[in-house]
Amino acid sequence: MAPATDDSRTLTPVQSHKTPVVCVFCGASNGNDPIHLDAARSLAREFHRNGVKLVYGGGTVGVMGELAQTLVSLSGPDAVHGIIPRALLRYERNYVETGGEVDPQSLIDENVYGRMTVVEDMHHRKHLMAKEVIEGGAGSGFVALTGGYGTLEELMENVTWNQLGIHARPVVVYNVAGFWDGLLQWVKTAVEAGFVQPSNAGIMAEATTSEEVMKTLTDYKIAEGRFKLRWGEK
């Protein structure tokens, strides 16, 4: 996906007084093991302790719903911003097929799941989420919890954007119960095969607890092999 606007091309210094914003990619399913919902709740508690604002895909079900409602219960609705494409509203818990226009407010209680923005497509959703992270304070970044195809796609897009110099924010894999072991091994394989430079192997950082997630976001080191590209210039 090409950079959407100039907002995501420059890596400007972050003012320390700004609130950290973390975008979490995660599944709309509970998974077969309660450890995944437990991890979502633990991450929400860690965000609350550190004054972090969450931006996420806007769902009210599965891991993402658990993460959002837990943080809202601790920090209030202003701490969470969900961004959901209109087509996905049909998968929310209170959706009823009416044949007409669906009012998002009738489906998603912002006092439970946080502030919601409905957009028309996936590209707009991802652009807005990335923009909030890039404009956030120190400690802002991207985190992948457990999820499926969509979670993996969004994670790898932001790894790629980091490598290309579109953003310089941390990208963290919250590796719950070894869920991401295969992906982390793939990075090693790609380095050995010559398709990822060793100096870029650390773009995607691993954390195994919610506390480690926060520490990794704070201590993240920019990979030396990132491309020095200047996006949006002719």
Protein backbone atom coordinates (compact mmCIF):
# COMPACT_ATOMS: atom_id res chain seq x y z
CA MET A 1 0.00 0.00 0.00
CA ALA A 2 1.43 3.40 -0.96
CA PRO A 3 1.72 6.19 1.61
CA ALA A 4 -1.67 7.84 1.92
CA THR A 5 -0.67 11.42 2.64
CA ASP A 6 2.26 13.59 3.66
CA ASP A 7 1.26 12.96 7.30
CA SER A 8 3.07 9.62 7.26
CA ARG A 9 6.22 10.53 5.34
CA THR A 10 8.21 12.68 7.78
CA LEU A 11 9.80 11.51 10.98
CA THR A 12 9.49 14.62 13.09
CA PRO A 13 10.63 14.85 16.73
CA VAL A 14 7.91 13.96 19.20
CA GLN A 15 7.01 16.40 21.95
CA SER A 16 7.28 14.78 25.38
CA HIS A 17 4.00 16.27 26.59
CA LYS A 18 1.96 14.37 24.03
CA THR A 19 0.03 11.27 25.10
CA PRO A 20 1.42 7.98 23.78
CA VAL A 21 -0.90 6.30 21.28
CA VAL A 22 -0.62 2.59 20.59
CA CYS A 23 -2.37 0.87 17.71
CA VAL A 24 -3.16 -2.77 18.48
CA PHE A 25 -3.92 -5.27 15.73
CA CYS A 26 -5.81 -8.32 16.99
CA GLY A 27 -8.54 -10.79 16.16
CA ALA A 28 -12.31 -10.53 16.22
CA SER A 29 -12.45 -14.06 17.65
CA ASN A 30 -11.88 -15.26 21.20
CA GLY A 31 -9.56 -18.06 20.16
CA ASN A 32 -9.69 -21.57 21.59
CA ASP A 33 -7.65 -20.78 24.69
CA PRO A 34 -8.69 -18.18 27.29
CA ILE A 35 -5.06 -17.07 27.51
CA HIS A 36 -5.65 -14.79 24.52
CA LEU A 37 -8.46 -12.84 26.21
CA ASP A 38 -6.38 -12.78 29.39
CA ALA A 39 -3.53 -11.21 27.43
CA ALA A 40 -5.88 -8.56 26.04
CA ARG A 41 -7.05 -7.65 29.53
CA SER A 42 -3.48 -7.58 30.82
CA LEU A 43 -2.39 -5.26 28.00
CA ALA A 44 -5.32 -2.94 28.73
CA ARG A 45 -4.31 -2.74 32.38
CA GLU A 46 -0.75 -1.91 31.36
CA PHE A 47 -1.98 0.82 29.03
CA HIS A 48 -4.04 2.25 31.89
CA ARG A 49 -1.04 2.28 34.24
CA ASN A 50 1.07 4.09 31.66
CA GLY A 51 -1.52 6.58 30.42
CA VAL A 52 -1.60 5.11 26.92
CA LYS A 53 -4.41 5.78 24.46
CA LEU A 54 -5.53 2.90 22.26
CA VAL A 55 -6.48 3.08 18.60
CA TYR A 56 -7.79 -0.15 17.14
CA GLY A 57 -10.06 -1.67 14.48
CA GLY A 58 -13.31 -0.81 16.25
CA GLY A 59 -14.74 -4.29 16.79
CA THR A 60 -16.76 -5.19 19.87
CA VAL A 61 -16.15 -8.95 19.69
CA GLY A 62 -13.21 -11.27 20.24
CA VAL A 63 -9.79 -10.17 21.43
CA MET A 64 -10.23 -6.64 20.11
CA GLY A 65 -13.53 -6.16 21.93
CA GLU A 66 -12.05 -7.44 25.18
CA LEU A 67 -9.06 -5.12 24.89
CA ALA A 68 -11.21 -2.07 24.19
CA GLN A 69 -13.86 -2.59 26.86
CA THR A 70 -11.27 -3.40 29.52
CA LEU A 71 -9.36 -0.19 28.87
CA VAL A 72 -12.58 1.87 28.77
CA SER A 73 -13.59 0.38 32.13
CA LEU A 74 -10.27 1.55 33.59
CA SER A 75 -9.46 4.81 31.79
CA GLY A 76 -12.78 5.94 30.33
CA PRO A 77 -14.12 6.23 26.76
CA ASP A 78 -11.63 8.93 25.73
CA ALA A 79 -8.77 6.45 26.10
CA VAL A 80 -10.00 4.31 23.20
CA HIS A 81 -10.63 5.17 19.56
CA GLY A 82 -12.08 2.47 17.32
CA ILE A 83 -11.99 2.92 13.55
CA ILE A 84 -14.24 0.52 11.66
CA PRO A 85 -15.21 0.23 7.98
CA ARG A 86 -18.94 0.49 7.40
CA ALA A 87 -19.10 -2.94 5.72
CA LEU A 88 -17.85 -4.61 8.91
CA LEU A 89 -20.63 -3.22 11.08
CA ARG A 90 -22.72 -6.25 10.14
CA TYR A 91 -20.42 -8.43 12.27
CA GLU A 92 -20.97 -6.47 15.47
CA ARG A 93 -22.87 -8.07 18.33
CA ASN A 94 -26.07 -5.98 18.08
CA TYR A 95 -26.35 -5.93 14.29
CA VAL A 96 -29.77 -6.66 12.83
CA GLU A 97 -30.35 -6.81 9.07
CA THR A 98 -32.77 -3.98 8.28
CA GLY A 99 -32.27 -3.45 4.56
CA GLY A 100 -31.54 0.21 5.23
CA GLU A 101 -28.78 2.42 6.62
CA VAL A 102 -27.37 1.19 9.91
CA ASP A 103 -26.75 3.68 12.70
CA PRO A 104 -23.35 2.80 14.21
CA GLN A 105 -24.39 4.27 17.55
CA SER A 106 -27.16 1.68 17.82
CA LEU A 107 -24.56 -1.07 17.52
CA ILE A 108 -21.56 0.19 19.43
CA ASP A 109 -21.91 1.77 22.88
CA GLU A 110 -19.09 4.30 23.13
CA ASN A 111 -19.34 4.23 26.92
CA VAL A 112 -18.33 0.58 26.73
CA TYR A 113 -15.99 0.42 23.73
CA GLY A 114 -14.73 4.00 23.38
CA ARG A 115 -15.07 6.64 20.69
CA MET A 116 -15.91 5.22 17.27
CA THR A 117 -15.27 6.45 13.75
CA VAL A 118 -16.93 4.72 10.80
CA VAL A 119 -15.00 4.89 7.50
CA GLU A 120 -15.78 3.64 4.02
CA ASP A 121 -12.88 1.27 3.39
CA MET A 122 -9.92 -0.59 4.87
CA HIS A 123 -7.32 1.79 3.44
CA HIS A 124 -8.88 4.79 5.16
CA ARG A 125 -9.08 2.85 8.41
CA LYS A 126 -5.39 1.90 8.32
CA HIS A 127 -4.31 5.39 7.32
CA LEU A 128 -6.15 6.99 10.24
CA MET A 129 -4.78 4.47 12.74
CA ALA A 130 -1.22 5.01 11.54
CA LYS A 131 -1.65 8.80 11.57
CA GLU A 132 -2.68 8.78 15.24
CA VAL A 133 0.35 6.70 16.20
CA ILE A 134 2.78 8.83 14.20
CA GLU A 135 1.39 11.99 15.82
CA GLY A 136 1.39 10.51 19.34
CA GLY A 137 3.85 11.08 22.14
CA ALA A 138 6.92 9.13 23.15
CA GLY A 139 6.13 5.43 23.57
CA SER A 140 3.64 5.37 20.69
CA GLY A 141 3.78 2.39 18.37
CA PHE A 142 2.14 -0.64 16.82
CA VAL A 143 1.43 -3.91 18.64
CA ALA A 144 0.18 -7.20 17.24
CA LEU A 145 -1.78 -9.38 19.64
CA THR A 146 -3.19 -12.72 18.53
CA GLY A 147 -5.36 -12.73 15.42
CA GLY A 148 -5.85 -14.08 11.91
CA TYR A 149 -5.16 -12.97 8.35
CA GLY A 150 -6.10 -9.34 8.96
CA THR A 151 -3.89 -9.04 12.02
CA LEU A 152 -0.93 -10.47 10.14
CA GLU A 153 -1.52 -8.22 7.13
CA GLU A 154 -1.68 -5.06 9.22
CA LEU A 155 1.38 -6.08 11.22
CA MET A 156 3.50 -6.74 8.15
CA GLU A 157 2.36 -3.57 6.43
CA ASN A 158 3.67 -1.53 9.34
CA VAL A 159 6.91 -3.50 9.43
CA THR A 160 7.32 -2.66 5.74
CA TRP A 161 6.48 1.00 6.31
CA ASN A 162 9.14 1.14 9.03
CA GLN A 163 11.72 -0.43 6.70
CA LEU A 164 10.84 2.03 3.93
CA GLY A 165 11.15 5.05 6.23
CA ILE A 166 7.47 5.98 6.11
CA HIS A 167 7.36 5.90 9.91
CA ALA A 168 9.88 5.34 12.68
CA ARG A 169 7.54 3.93 15.31
CA PRO A 170 8.11 0.67 17.18
CA VAL A 171 6.46 -2.49 15.86
CA VAL A 172 5.98 -5.07 18.62
CA VAL A 173 4.73 -8.64 18.45
CA TYR A 174 3.02 -9.67 21.70
CA ASN A 175 3.88 -13.35 21.46
CA VAL A 176 1.25 -14.96 23.68
CA ALA A 177 1.92 -18.66 24.31
CA GLY A 178 4.22 -18.86 21.29
CA PHE A 179 1.50 -17.75 18.88
CA TRP A 180 3.95 -15.77 16.71
CA ASP A 181 6.87 -18.24 16.89
CA GLY A 182 6.42 -19.26 13.26
CA LEU A 183 6.55 -15.66 12.04
CA LEU A 184 9.62 -14.88 14.13
CA GLN A 185 11.33 -17.97 12.72
CA TRP A 186 10.40 -16.82 9.21
CA VAL A 187 12.30 -13.56 9.80
CA LYS A 188 15.39 -15.56 10.72
CA THR A 189 14.93 -17.73 7.63
CA ALA A 190 14.51 -14.67 5.39
CA VAL A 191 17.72 -13.17 6.81
CA GLU A 192 19.62 -16.41 6.22
CA ALA A 193 18.24 -16.61 2.67
CA GLY A 194 19.29 -13.04 1.90
CA PHE A 195 15.84 -11.49 1.55
CA VAL A 196 15.95 -9.44 4.77
CA GLN A 197 19.10 -7.59 5.71
CA PRO A 198 20.52 -8.53 9.14
CA SER A 199 20.43 -4.83 10.04
CA ASN A 200 16.63 -4.90 9.54
CA ALA A 201 15.95 -8.13 11.41
CA GLY A 202 14.94 -6.23 14.55
CA ILE A 203 12.26 -4.00 13.02
CA MET A 204 9.67 -6.37 14.46
CA ALA A 205 10.42 -6.72 18.19
CA GLU A 206 9.10 -9.51 20.41
CA ALA A 207 7.47 -9.23 23.84
CA THR A 208 5.98 -12.10 25.84
CA THR A 209 4.17 -10.15 28.58
CA SER A 210 2.20 -6.92 28.68
CA GLU A 211 4.94 -5.37 30.80
CA GLU A 212 7.47 -6.30 28.14
CA VAL A 213 5.26 -4.72 25.50
CA MET A 214 5.43 -1.36 27.27
CA LYS A 215 9.17 -1.64 27.89
CA THR A 216 9.81 -2.58 24.26
CA LEU A 217 7.74 0.37 23.03
CA THR A 218 9.77 2.69 25.25
CA ASP A 219 13.22 1.22 24.59
CA TYR A 220 12.79 0.42 20.89
CA LYS A 221 15.87 1.00 18.72
CA ILE A 222 15.51 2.09 15.12
CA ALA A 223 16.98 -0.51 12.75
CA GLU A 224 20.19 0.65 11.11
CA GLY A 225 19.26 -0.85 7.76
CA ARG A 226 16.08 1.16 7.19
CA PHE A 227 15.86 2.82 3.80
CA LYS A 228 16.61 6.54 3.83
CA LEU A 229 13.73 7.44 1.53
CA ARG A 230 11.94 10.80 1.40
CA TRP A 231 8.29 10.18 0.67
CA GLY A 232 6.16 12.74 -1.13
CA GLU A 233 9.04 14.72 -2.60
CA LYS A 234 9.51 15.13 -6.36
